[in-house]
Amino acid sequence: MTTVGFIGLGIMGLPMARNLVDAGYDVVGYNRSAAKVQALADAGGRGAESVAEAVSGADVVITMLPDSPDVEQVTCGDDGVFAHAKPGSLYVDMSTIRPDVARRVAEAGAARGLRVLDAPVSGGEAGAVEGNLSVMVGGEAADVEAARPVLETMGTTIVHVGPAGAGQTVKAANQLIVAGAIELLAEAIVFVEAHGVDTAAALQVLGGGLAGSTVLNRKGEGMLARRFEPGFRLELHHKDLGIVTSAAREAGVVIPLGAAVAQLVAALVARGDGGLDHSGLLKLVDELSGRTDSPERG
């Protein structure tokens, strides 16, 4: 039985780890919150009290953490993954971090004899629960193939997109598209509501045409009801858009629409709405349109 050390049992990480357990893997999980570790144990996994305990006997180590500093600390710290994982094991970071940090982590892991992949995901909480995430993987081709059986337990679209850091670059592009799609969906909802249209019917027909998208299918109903319980928090998308804008500037690429959406997300986070789902962009469109009487049921 392959043993997987899983670090980071949050909104995405816990259901991903559960899917590994359900597929028959021996999963040893660690999280700063003991309740999350217990939840994994209740699902059939094993809990660890430290990073070292989670990874010391693992064939594959996975991290699903909030940001670049978290990944560097958990991997390169004195009590981190690279200090305790056995040589030759696979280390797969499925967090969303800066591409340059992913490359730096890959170099540090290789120096310790580990095979390192950056494999961020798209699909949100629902995709994590259902096991149908899209996984964009950077690293050596042979290492991607070695990790593929594990990755296919958590996702249905597993694509090797290039060398170390490439997965994070593609994920940045994904976050750019998703933010823009949510903002335009929010604007479309406010637009049709203002004209007295049956908005649910409008989204149904829009979803069947060229305007249809996973964003519309996954987010539309909740947005109509103004329910913004987090599947992916605005504060995390704010972080991701910072990665996008920084990487675009470094490459000399202009992203005018993306930069505008990044500022809207930043405004929501700055005023205290960072804990809402990223579909909370609709709140700002409502307010900018002077439509404070829109339905608020969440």
C-alpha atoms as a PDB file:
ATOM      1  CA  MET A   1       0.000   0.000   0.000  1.00  0.00           C
ATOM      2  CA  THR A   2       1.311   3.430  -0.942  1.00  0.00           C
ATOM      3  CA  THR A   3       1.586   5.786   2.022  1.00  0.00           C
ATOM      4  CA  VAL A   4       0.705   9.430   1.373  1.00  0.00           C
ATOM      5  CA  GLY A   5       1.674  12.172   3.783  1.00  0.00           C
ATOM      6  CA  PHE A   6      -0.885  14.972   3.392  1.00  0.00           C
ATOM      7  CA  ILE A   7      -0.212  18.399   4.900  1.00  0.00           C
ATOM      8  CA  GLY A   8      -2.974  21.014   4.836  1.00  0.00           C
ATOM      9  CA  LEU A   9      -6.477  19.718   5.535  1.00  0.00           C
ATOM     10  CA  GLY A  10      -8.517  22.811   4.757  1.00  0.00           C
ATOM     11  CA  ILE A  11     -11.554  23.371   2.549  1.00  0.00           C
ATOM     12  CA  MET A  12      -9.806  21.700  -0.375  1.00  0.00           C
ATOM     13  CA  GLY A  13      -7.218  19.517   1.315  1.00  0.00           C
ATOM     14  CA  LEU A  14      -9.511  17.498   3.578  1.00  0.00           C
ATOM     15  CA  PRO A  15     -11.838  16.192   0.824  1.00  0.00           C
ATOM     16  CA  MET A  16      -8.816  15.486  -1.380  1.00  0.00           C
ATOM     17  CA  ALA A  17      -7.236  13.448   1.405  1.00  0.00           C
ATOM     18  CA  ARG A  18     -10.527  11.635   2.003  1.00  0.00           C
ATOM     19  CA  ASN A  19     -10.666  10.652  -1.664  1.00  0.00           C
ATOM     20  CA  LEU A  20      -7.193   9.144  -1.326  1.00  0.00           C
ATOM     21  CA  VAL A  21      -8.345   7.154   1.702  1.00  0.00           C
ATOM     22  CA  ASP A  22     -11.415   5.947  -0.198  1.00  0.00           C
ATOM     23  CA  ALA A  23      -9.160   4.805  -3.047  1.00  0.00           C
ATOM     24  CA  GLY A  24      -7.185   2.596  -0.664  1.00  0.00           C
ATOM     25  CA  TYR A  25      -4.149   4.745   0.086  1.00  0.00           C
ATOM     26  CA  ASP A  26      -2.653   4.866   3.581  1.00  0.00           C
ATOM     27  CA  VAL A  27      -3.013   8.597   4.266  1.00  0.00           C
ATOM     28  CA  VAL A  28      -1.238  10.280   7.172  1.00  0.00           C
ATOM     29  CA  GLY A  29      -2.474  13.848   7.598  1.00  0.00           C
ATOM     30  CA  TYR A  30      -1.242  16.905   9.441  1.00  0.00           C
ATOM     31  CA  ASN A  31      -2.914  20.259   9.957  1.00  0.00           C
ATOM     32  CA  ARG A  32      -2.442  23.025  12.514  1.00  0.00           C
ATOM     33  CA  SER A  33      -6.075  22.503  13.528  1.00  0.00           C
ATOM     34  CA  ALA A  34      -6.460  19.254  15.459  1.00  0.00           C
ATOM     35  CA  ALA A  35     -10.140  19.079  14.475  1.00  0.00           C
ATOM     36  CA  LYS A  36      -9.173  18.694  10.818  1.00  0.00           C
ATOM     37  CA  VAL A  37      -6.734  15.922  11.652  1.00  0.00           C
ATOM     38  CA  GLN A  38      -9.467  14.151  13.598  1.00  0.00           C
ATOM     39  CA  ALA A  39     -11.841  14.515  10.653  1.00  0.00           C
ATOM     40  CA  LEU A  40      -9.345  12.681   8.455  1.00  0.00           C
ATOM     41  CA  ALA A  41      -8.918   9.971  11.087  1.00  0.00           C
ATOM     42  CA  ASP A  42     -12.698   9.586  11.280  1.00  0.00           C
ATOM     43  CA  ALA A  43     -12.695   9.043   7.500  1.00  0.00           C
ATOM     44  CA  GLY A  44     -10.179   6.202   7.779  1.00  0.00           C
ATOM     45  CA  GLY A  45      -6.886   8.059   7.524  1.00  0.00           C
ATOM     46  CA  ARG A  46      -4.234   8.467  10.189  1.00  0.00           C
ATOM     47  CA  GLY A  47      -3.492  11.643  12.074  1.00  0.00           C
ATOM     48  CA  ALA A  48      -0.030  13.080  12.698  1.00  0.00           C
ATOM     49  CA  GLU A  49       1.068  15.592  15.313  1.00  0.00           C
ATOM     50  CA  SER A  50       3.811  17.137  13.188  1.00  0.00           C
ATOM     51  CA  VAL A  51       5.030  17.524   9.628  1.00  0.00           C
ATOM     52  CA  ALA A  52       7.878  15.137  10.416  1.00  0.00           C
ATOM     53  CA  GLU A  53       5.488  12.418  11.581  1.00  0.00           C
ATOM     54  CA  ALA A  54       3.293  12.846   8.506  1.00  0.00           C
ATOM     55  CA  VAL A  55       6.101  12.522   5.965  1.00  0.00           C
ATOM     56  CA  SER A  56       8.800  10.309   7.494  1.00  0.00           C
ATOM     57  CA  GLY A  57       7.373   7.039   6.161  1.00  0.00           C
ATOM     58  CA  ALA A  58       5.571   8.399   3.107  1.00  0.00           C
ATOM     59  CA  ASP A  59       6.116   7.341  -0.494  1.00  0.00           C
ATOM     60  CA  VAL A  60       4.310  10.480  -1.664  1.00  0.00           C
ATOM     61  CA  VAL A  61       4.018  13.788   0.202  1.00  0.00           C
ATOM     62  CA  ILE A  62       1.310  16.293  -0.748  1.00  0.00           C
ATOM     63  CA  THR A  63       0.913  19.833   0.522  1.00  0.00           C
ATOM     64  CA  MET A  64      -2.230  21.951   0.130  1.00  0.00           C
ATOM     65  CA  LEU A  65      -1.399  25.252   1.827  1.00  0.00           C
ATOM     66  CA  PRO A  66      -2.613  28.872   1.580  1.00  0.00           C
ATOM     67  CA  ASP A  67       0.388  30.797   0.224  1.00  0.00           C
ATOM     68  CA  SER A  68       4.016  30.810  -0.901  1.00  0.00           C
ATOM     69  CA  PRO A  69       5.570  31.500   2.553  1.00  0.00           C
ATOM     70  CA  ASP A  70       3.604  28.585   4.018  1.00  0.00           C
ATOM     71  CA  VAL A  71       4.964  26.198   1.400  1.00  0.00           C
ATOM     72  CA  GLU A  72       8.544  27.370   1.839  1.00  0.00           C
ATOM     73  CA  GLN A  73       8.317  27.069   5.616  1.00  0.00           C
ATOM     74  CA  VAL A  74       6.724  23.611   5.558  1.00  0.00           C
ATOM     75  CA  THR A  75       9.176  22.266   2.996  1.00  0.00           C
ATOM     76  CA  CYS A  76      12.473  23.975   3.759  1.00  0.00           C
ATOM     77  CA  GLY A  77      12.202  24.622   7.500  1.00  0.00           C
ATOM     78  CA  ASP A  78      14.337  22.686   9.975  1.00  0.00           C
ATOM     79  CA  ASP A  79      11.376  20.456  10.844  1.00  0.00           C
ATOM     80  CA  GLY A  80       9.977  20.490   7.324  1.00  0.00           C
ATOM     81  CA  VAL A  81       9.240  18.017   4.581  1.00  0.00           C
ATOM     82  CA  PHE A  82      12.702  18.004   3.032  1.00  0.00           C
ATOM     83  CA  ALA A  83      14.389  17.340   6.371  1.00  0.00           C
ATOM     84  CA  HIS A  84      12.296  14.247   7.068  1.00  0.00           C
ATOM     85  CA  ALA A  85      11.009  12.744   3.790  1.00  0.00           C
ATOM     86  CA  LYS A  86      12.856   9.677   2.591  1.00  0.00           C
ATOM     87  CA  PRO A  87      15.127  10.111  -0.458  1.00  0.00           C
ATOM     88  CA  GLY A  88      13.494   9.189  -3.743  1.00  0.00           C
ATOM     89  CA  SER A  89       9.980   9.959  -2.558  1.00  0.00           C
ATOM     90  CA  LEU A  90       7.646  12.177  -4.531  1.00  0.00           C
ATOM     91  CA  TYR A  91       6.786  15.616  -3.201  1.00  0.00           C
ATOM     92  CA  VAL A  92       3.730  17.201  -4.834  1.00  0.00           C
ATOM     93  CA  ASP A  93       2.726  20.733  -3.927  1.00  0.00           C
ATOM     94  CA  MET A  94      -0.924  21.258  -4.854  1.00  0.00           C
ATOM     95  CA  SER A  95      -1.132  24.736  -3.324  1.00  0.00           C
ATOM     96  CA  THR A  96      -1.374  27.872  -5.436  1.00  0.00           C
ATOM     97  CA  ILE A  97       1.872  29.819  -5.069  1.00  0.00           C
ATOM     98  CA  ARG A  98       4.236  32.014  -7.066  1.00  0.00           C
ATOM     99  CA  PRO A  99       5.963  30.267  -9.988  1.00  0.00           C
ATOM    100  CA  ASP A 100       9.401  31.492  -8.886  1.00  0.00           C
ATOM    101  CA  VAL A 101       8.841  30.031  -5.411  1.00  0.00           C
ATOM    102  CA  ALA A 102       7.764  26.730  -6.975  1.00  0.00           C
ATOM    103  CA  ARG A 103      11.024  26.616  -8.918  1.00  0.00           C
ATOM    104  CA  ARG A 104      13.026  27.442  -5.793  1.00  0.00           C
ATOM    105  CA  VAL A 105      11.254  24.715  -3.798  1.00  0.00           C
ATOM    106  CA  ALA A 106      11.877  22.211  -6.600  1.00  0.00           C
ATOM    107  CA  GLU A 107      15.597  22.972  -6.537  1.00  0.00           C
ATOM    108  CA  ALA A 108      15.741  22.610  -2.757  1.00  0.00           C
ATOM    109  CA  GLY A 109      13.866  19.306  -2.876  1.00  0.00           C
ATOM    110  CA  ALA A 110      16.062  17.920  -5.645  1.00  0.00           C
ATOM    111  CA  ALA A 111      19.130  18.778  -3.563  1.00  0.00           C
ATOM    112  CA  ARG A 112      17.685  16.489  -0.854  1.00  0.00           C
ATOM    113  CA  GLY A 113      17.102  13.648  -3.312  1.00  0.00           C
ATOM    114  CA  LEU A 114      13.346  14.165  -3.732  1.00  0.00           C
ATOM    115  CA  ARG A 115      11.288  14.228  -6.907  1.00  0.00           C
ATOM    116  CA  VAL A 116       9.315  17.485  -6.836  1.00  0.00           C
ATOM    117  CA  LEU A 117       6.197  18.516  -8.734  1.00  0.00           C
ATOM    118  CA  ASP A 118       4.091  21.653  -8.579  1.00  0.00           C
ATOM    119  CA  ALA A 119       0.516  20.549  -9.233  1.00  0.00           C
ATOM    120  CA  PRO A 120      -2.038  23.248  -8.406  1.00  0.00           C
ATOM    121  CA  VAL A 121      -5.694  22.466  -8.976  1.00  0.00           C
ATOM    122  CA  SER A 122      -8.857  24.072 -10.271  1.00  0.00           C
ATOM    123  CA  GLY A 123     -12.424  23.070  -9.516  1.00  0.00           C
ATOM    124  CA  GLY A 124     -13.089  24.535  -6.096  1.00  0.00           C
ATOM    125  CA  GLU A 125     -14.509  22.772  -3.075  1.00  0.00           C
ATOM    126  CA  ALA A 126     -17.088  20.895  -5.161  1.00  0.00           C
ATOM    127  CA  GLY A 127     -14.373  19.552  -7.444  1.00  0.00           C
ATOM    128  CA  ALA A 128     -12.303  18.489  -4.448  1.00  0.00           C
ATOM    129  CA  VAL A 129     -15.250  16.654  -2.905  1.00  0.00           C
ATOM    130  CA  GLU A 130     -16.257  14.998  -6.166  1.00  0.00           C
ATOM    131  CA  GLY A 131     -12.693  14.091  -7.130  1.00  0.00           C
ATOM    132  CA  ASN A 132     -12.928  15.803 -10.501  1.00  0.00           C
ATOM    133  CA  LEU A 133     -10.353  18.555 -10.140  1.00  0.00           C
ATOM    134  CA  SER A 134      -8.247  19.778 -13.036  1.00  0.00           C
ATOM    135  CA  VAL A 135      -4.562  19.407 -12.170  1.00  0.00           C
ATOM    136  CA  MET A 136      -1.856  21.342 -14.002  1.00  0.00           C
ATOM    137  CA  VAL A 137       1.548  19.800 -13.305  1.00  0.00           C
ATOM    138  CA  GLY A 138       5.056  21.192 -13.597  1.00  0.00           C
ATOM    139  CA  GLY A 139       8.174  19.030 -13.265  1.00  0.00           C
ATOM    140  CA  GLU A 140       9.971  16.130 -14.911  1.00  0.00           C
ATOM    141  CA  ALA A 141       7.813  13.966 -17.193  1.00  0.00           C
ATOM    142  CA  ALA A 142       8.860  10.708 -15.511  1.00  0.00           C
ATOM    143  CA  ASP A 143       7.911  12.089 -12.092  1.00  0.00           C
ATOM    144  CA  VAL A 144       4.529  13.206 -13.401  1.00  0.00           C
ATOM    145  CA  GLU A 145       3.825   9.681 -14.626  1.00  0.00           C
ATOM    146  CA  ALA A 146       4.919   8.225 -11.298  1.00  0.00           C
ATOM    147  CA  ALA A 147       2.501  10.542  -9.485  1.00  0.00           C
ATOM    148  CA  ARG A 148      -0.349  10.105 -11.957  1.00  0.00           C
ATOM    149  CA  PRO A 149      -2.213   7.289 -10.128  1.00  0.00           C
ATOM    150  CA  VAL A 150      -2.341   9.414  -6.979  1.00  0.00           C
ATOM    151  CA  LEU A 151      -3.342  12.551  -8.872  1.00  0.00           C
ATOM    152  CA  GLU A 152      -6.082  10.695 -10.742  1.00  0.00           C
ATOM    153  CA  THR A 153      -7.690   9.866  -7.401  1.00  0.00           C
ATOM    154  CA  MET A 154      -8.268  13.583  -6.855  1.00  0.00           C
ATOM    155  CA  GLY A 155      -8.788  14.852 -10.386  1.00  0.00           C
ATOM    156  CA  THR A 156     -10.058  13.871 -13.800  1.00  0.00           C
ATOM    157  CA  THR A 157      -7.902  16.181 -15.932  1.00  0.00           C
ATOM    158  CA  ILE A 158      -4.201  15.672 -15.230  1.00  0.00           C
ATOM    159  CA  VAL A 159      -1.950  17.557 -17.649  1.00  0.00           C
ATOM    160  CA  HIS A 160       1.827  17.962 -17.631  1.00  0.00           C
ATOM    161  CA  VAL A 161       2.334  21.580 -18.692  1.00  0.00           C
ATOM    162  CA  GLY A 162       6.108  21.947 -18.491  1.00  0.00           C
ATOM    163  CA  PRO A 163       9.105  22.102 -16.141  1.00  0.00           C
ATOM    164  CA  ALA A 164       9.128  23.158 -12.494  1.00  0.00           C
ATOM    165  CA  GLY A 165       6.966  26.250 -11.959  1.00  0.00           C
ATOM    166  CA  ALA A 166       4.923  25.701 -15.121  1.00  0.00           C
ATOM    167  CA  GLY A 167       1.972  24.319 -13.164  1.00  0.00           C
ATOM    168  CA  GLN A 168       1.832  27.475 -11.090  1.00  0.00           C
ATOM    169  CA  THR A 169       2.050  29.663 -14.187  1.00  0.00           C
ATOM    170  CA  VAL A 170      -0.941  27.905 -15.741  1.00  0.00           C
ATOM    171  CA  LYS A 171      -2.821  28.121 -12.427  1.00  0.00           C
ATOM    172  CA  ALA A 172      -2.228  31.874 -12.407  1.00  0.00           C
ATOM    173  CA  ALA A 173      -3.824  32.034 -15.858  1.00  0.00           C
ATOM    174  CA  ASN A 174      -6.720  29.958 -14.541  1.00  0.00           C
ATOM    175  CA  GLN A 175      -7.307  32.390 -11.681  1.00  0.00           C
ATOM    176  CA  LEU A 176      -7.217  35.296 -14.106  1.00  0.00           C
ATOM    177  CA  ILE A 177      -9.946  33.707 -16.234  1.00  0.00           C
ATOM    178  CA  VAL A 178     -12.097  32.687 -13.255  1.00  0.00           C
ATOM    179  CA  ALA A 179     -12.003  36.139 -11.667  1.00  0.00           C
ATOM    180  CA  GLY A 180     -12.968  37.773 -14.955  1.00  0.00           C
ATOM    181  CA  ALA A 181     -15.772  35.270 -15.547  1.00  0.00           C
ATOM    182  CA  ILE A 182     -17.243  35.787 -12.072  1.00  0.00           C
ATOM    183  CA  GLU A 183     -17.126  39.562 -12.435  1.00  0.00           C
ATOM    184  CA  LEU A 184     -18.888  39.456 -15.808  1.00  0.00           C
ATOM    185  CA  LEU A 185     -21.454  36.984 -14.492  1.00  0.00           C
ATOM    186  CA  ALA A 186     -22.109  39.366 -11.592  1.00  0.00           C
ATOM    187  CA  GLU A 187     -22.584  42.262 -14.013  1.00  0.00           C
ATOM    188  CA  ALA A 188     -24.912  40.183 -16.196  1.00  0.00           C
ATOM    189  CA  ILE A 189     -27.054  39.223 -13.186  1.00  0.00           C
ATOM    190  CA  VAL A 190     -27.441  42.819 -12.044  1.00  0.00           C
ATOM    191  CA  PHE A 191     -28.131  43.887 -15.635  1.00  0.00           C
ATOM    192  CA  VAL A 192     -30.989  41.429 -16.249  1.00  0.00           C
ATOM    193  CA  GLU A 193     -32.452  41.990 -12.769  1.00  0.00           C
ATOM    194  CA  ALA A 194     -32.595  45.719 -13.447  1.00  0.00           C
ATOM    195  CA  HIS A 195     -34.760  45.030 -16.506  1.00  0.00           C
ATOM    196  CA  GLY A 196     -37.212  42.827 -14.631  1.00  0.00           C
ATOM    197  CA  VAL A 197     -36.190  39.641 -16.428  1.00  0.00           C
ATOM    198  CA  ASP A 198     -36.718  36.194 -14.883  1.00  0.00           C
ATOM    199  CA  THR A 199     -33.080  35.920 -13.882  1.00  0.00           C
ATOM    200  CA  ALA A 200     -33.054  32.179 -13.208  1.00  0.00           C
ATOM    201  CA  ALA A 201     -34.508  31.570 -16.673  1.00  0.00           C
ATOM    202  CA  ALA A 202     -31.972  33.976 -18.150  1.00  0.00           C
ATOM    203  CA  LEU A 203     -29.059  32.069 -16.629  1.00  0.00           C
ATOM    204  CA  GLN A 204     -30.534  28.790 -17.851  1.00  0.00           C
ATOM    205  CA  VAL A 205     -30.580  29.903 -21.461  1.00  0.00           C
ATOM    206  CA  LEU A 206     -27.243  31.690 -21.208  1.00  0.00           C
ATOM    207  CA  GLY A 207     -25.733  28.498 -19.845  1.00  0.00           C
ATOM    208  CA  GLY A 208     -26.843  26.610 -22.958  1.00  0.00           C
ATOM    209  CA  GLY A 209     -25.107  28.976 -25.357  1.00  0.00           C
ATOM    210  CA  LEU A 210     -21.651  30.402 -25.950  1.00  0.00           C
ATOM    211  CA  ALA A 211     -21.837  32.255 -22.622  1.00  0.00           C
ATOM    212  CA  GLY A 212     -22.139  28.958 -20.761  1.00  0.00           C
ATOM    213  CA  SER A 213     -19.287  28.030 -18.449  1.00  0.00           C
ATOM    214  CA  THR A 214     -18.375  26.046 -15.362  1.00  0.00           C
ATOM    215  CA  VAL A 215     -18.380  29.352 -13.473  1.00  0.00           C
ATOM    216  CA  LEU A 216     -21.993  29.980 -14.470  1.00  0.00           C
ATOM    217  CA  ASN A 217     -23.029  26.415 -13.659  1.00  0.00           C
ATOM    218  CA  ARG A 218     -21.275  26.306 -10.291  1.00  0.00           C
ATOM    219  CA  LYS A 219     -21.812  29.874  -9.095  1.00  0.00           C
ATOM    220  CA  GLY A 220     -24.958  31.174 -10.770  1.00  0.00           C
ATOM    221  CA  GLU A 221     -27.609  29.787  -8.432  1.00  0.00           C
ATOM    222  CA  GLY A 222     -25.845  30.920  -5.272  1.00  0.00           C
ATOM    223  CA  MET A 223     -25.227  34.362  -6.719  1.00  0.00           C
ATOM    224  CA  LEU A 224     -28.902  34.802  -7.565  1.00  0.00           C
ATOM    225  CA  ALA A 225     -29.748  34.049  -3.930  1.00  0.00           C
ATOM    226  CA  ARG A 226     -26.860  36.230  -2.671  1.00  0.00           C
ATOM    227  CA  ARG A 227     -25.349  33.273  -0.846  1.00  0.00           C
ATOM    228  CA  PHE A 228     -21.630  33.758  -0.470  1.00  0.00           C
ATOM    229  CA  GLU A 229     -20.551  30.953   1.865  1.00  0.00           C
ATOM    230  CA  PRO A 230     -16.935  30.296   0.944  1.00  0.00           C
ATOM    231  CA  GLY A 231     -16.008  27.547  -1.431  1.00  0.00           C
ATOM    232  CA  PHE A 232     -13.004  29.684  -2.379  1.00  0.00           C
ATOM    233  CA  ARG A 233     -12.484  32.824  -0.328  1.00  0.00           C
ATOM    234  CA  LEU A 234     -12.040  36.264  -1.819  1.00  0.00           C
ATOM    235  CA  GLU A 235      -8.889  36.747   0.269  1.00  0.00           C
ATOM    236  CA  LEU A 236      -7.302  33.743  -1.428  1.00  0.00           C
ATOM    237  CA  HIS A 237      -8.308  34.915  -4.891  1.00  0.00           C
ATOM    238  CA  HIS A 238      -6.856  38.315  -3.957  1.00  0.00           C
ATOM    239  CA  LYS A 239      -3.569  36.557  -3.212  1.00  0.00           C
ATOM    240  CA  ASP A 240      -3.755  34.673  -6.517  1.00  0.00           C
ATOM    241  CA  LEU A 241      -4.419  37.821  -8.531  1.00  0.00           C
ATOM    242  CA  GLY A 242      -1.370  39.361  -6.897  1.00  0.00           C
ATOM    243  CA  ILE A 243       0.610  36.435  -8.293  1.00  0.00           C
ATOM    244  CA  VAL A 244      -0.917  37.028 -11.739  1.00  0.00           C
ATOM    245  CA  THR A 245      -0.264  40.766 -11.866  1.00  0.00           C
ATOM    246  CA  SER A 246       3.286  40.373 -10.582  1.00  0.00           C
ATOM    247  CA  ALA A 247       4.127  37.582 -13.027  1.00  0.00           C
ATOM    248  CA  ALA A 248       2.569  39.525 -15.912  1.00  0.00           C
ATOM    249  CA  ARG A 249       4.650  42.577 -15.078  1.00  0.00           C
ATOM    250  CA  GLU A 250       7.822  40.475 -14.933  1.00  0.00           C
ATOM    251  CA  ALA A 251       7.014  39.019 -18.360  1.00  0.00           C
ATOM    252  CA  GLY A 252       6.162  42.413 -19.870  1.00  0.00           C
ATOM    253  CA  VAL A 253       2.570  41.334 -20.533  1.00  0.00           C
ATOM    254  CA  VAL A 254      -0.419  43.658 -20.121  1.00  0.00           C
ATOM    255  CA  ILE A 255      -3.637  42.347 -18.517  1.00  0.00           C
ATOM    256  CA  PRO A 256      -5.918  45.418 -18.439  1.00  0.00           C
ATOM    257  CA  LEU A 257      -9.180  43.589 -17.654  1.00  0.00           C
ATOM    258  CA  GLY A 258      -7.472  41.293 -15.186  1.00  0.00           C
ATOM    259  CA  ALA A 259      -5.907  44.252 -13.409  1.00  0.00           C
ATOM    260  CA  ALA A 260      -9.317  45.919 -13.096  1.00  0.00           C
ATOM    261  CA  VAL A 261     -10.883  42.801 -11.576  1.00  0.00           C
ATOM    262  CA  ALA A 262      -7.896  42.471  -9.251  1.00  0.00           C
ATOM    263  CA  GLN A 263      -8.656  45.955  -7.916  1.00  0.00           C
ATOM    264  CA  LEU A 264     -12.322  45.086  -7.350  1.00  0.00           C
ATOM    265  CA  VAL A 265     -11.328  41.981  -5.419  1.00  0.00           C
ATOM    266  CA  ALA A 266      -8.799  44.026  -3.448  1.00  0.00           C
ATOM    267  CA  ALA A 267     -11.524  46.524  -2.533  1.00  0.00           C
ATOM    268  CA  LEU A 268     -13.771  43.787  -1.157  1.00  0.00           C
ATOM    269  CA  VAL A 269     -10.935  42.305   0.888  1.00  0.00           C
ATOM    270  CA  ALA A 270      -9.889  45.730   2.203  1.00  0.00           C
ATOM    271  CA  ARG A 271     -13.363  46.448   3.532  1.00  0.00           C
ATOM    272  CA  GLY A 272     -13.594  43.119   5.359  1.00  0.00           C
ATOM    273  CA  ASP A 273     -15.321  40.801   2.870  1.00  0.00           C
ATOM    274  CA  GLY A 274     -12.299  38.576   2.291  1.00  0.00           C
ATOM    275  CA  GLY A 275     -13.954  35.624   4.026  1.00  0.00           C
ATOM    276  CA  LEU A 276     -16.774  35.486   1.478  1.00  0.00           C
ATOM    277  CA  ASP A 277     -16.767  33.249  -1.569  1.00  0.00           C
ATOM    278  CA  HIS A 278     -15.216  34.903  -4.622  1.00  0.00           C
ATOM    279  CA  SER A 279     -18.707  35.109  -6.109  1.00  0.00           C
ATOM    280  CA  GLY A 280     -19.087  37.917  -3.554  1.00  0.00           C
ATOM    281  CA  LEU A 281     -17.930  40.193  -6.369  1.00  0.00           C
ATOM    282  CA  LEU A 282     -21.675  40.473  -6.971  1.00  0.00           C
ATOM    283  CA  LYS A 283     -22.039  42.486  -3.753  1.00  0.00           C
ATOM    284  CA  LEU A 284     -19.793  45.194  -5.135  1.00  0.00           C
ATOM    285  CA  VAL A 285     -21.563  45.275  -8.495  1.00  0.00           C
ATOM    286  CA  ASP A 286     -24.902  45.651  -6.652  1.00  0.00           C
ATOM    287  CA  GLU A 287     -23.544  48.569  -4.659  1.00  0.00           C
ATOM    288  CA  LEU A 288     -21.820  50.298  -7.561  1.00  0.00           C
ATOM    289  CA  SER A 289     -25.119  50.050  -9.443  1.00  0.00           C
ATOM    290  CA  GLY A 290     -27.053  51.536  -6.529  1.00  0.00           C
ATOM    291  CA  ARG A 291     -29.098  48.382  -6.170  1.00  0.00           C
ATOM    292  CA  THR A 292     -28.959  47.926  -2.407  1.00  0.00           C
ATOM    293  CA  ASP A 293     -32.513  46.550  -2.511  1.00  0.00           C
ATOM    294  CA  SER A 294     -31.318  43.394  -4.333  1.00  0.00           C
ATOM    295  CA  PRO A 295     -32.230  40.148  -2.561  1.00  0.00           C
ATOM    296  CA  GLU A 296     -29.901  39.456   0.380  1.00  0.00           C
ATOM    297  CA  ARG A 297     -30.449  35.984   1.720  1.00  0.00           C
ATOM    298  CA  GLY A 298     -26.921  34.885   2.546  1.00  0.00           C
END
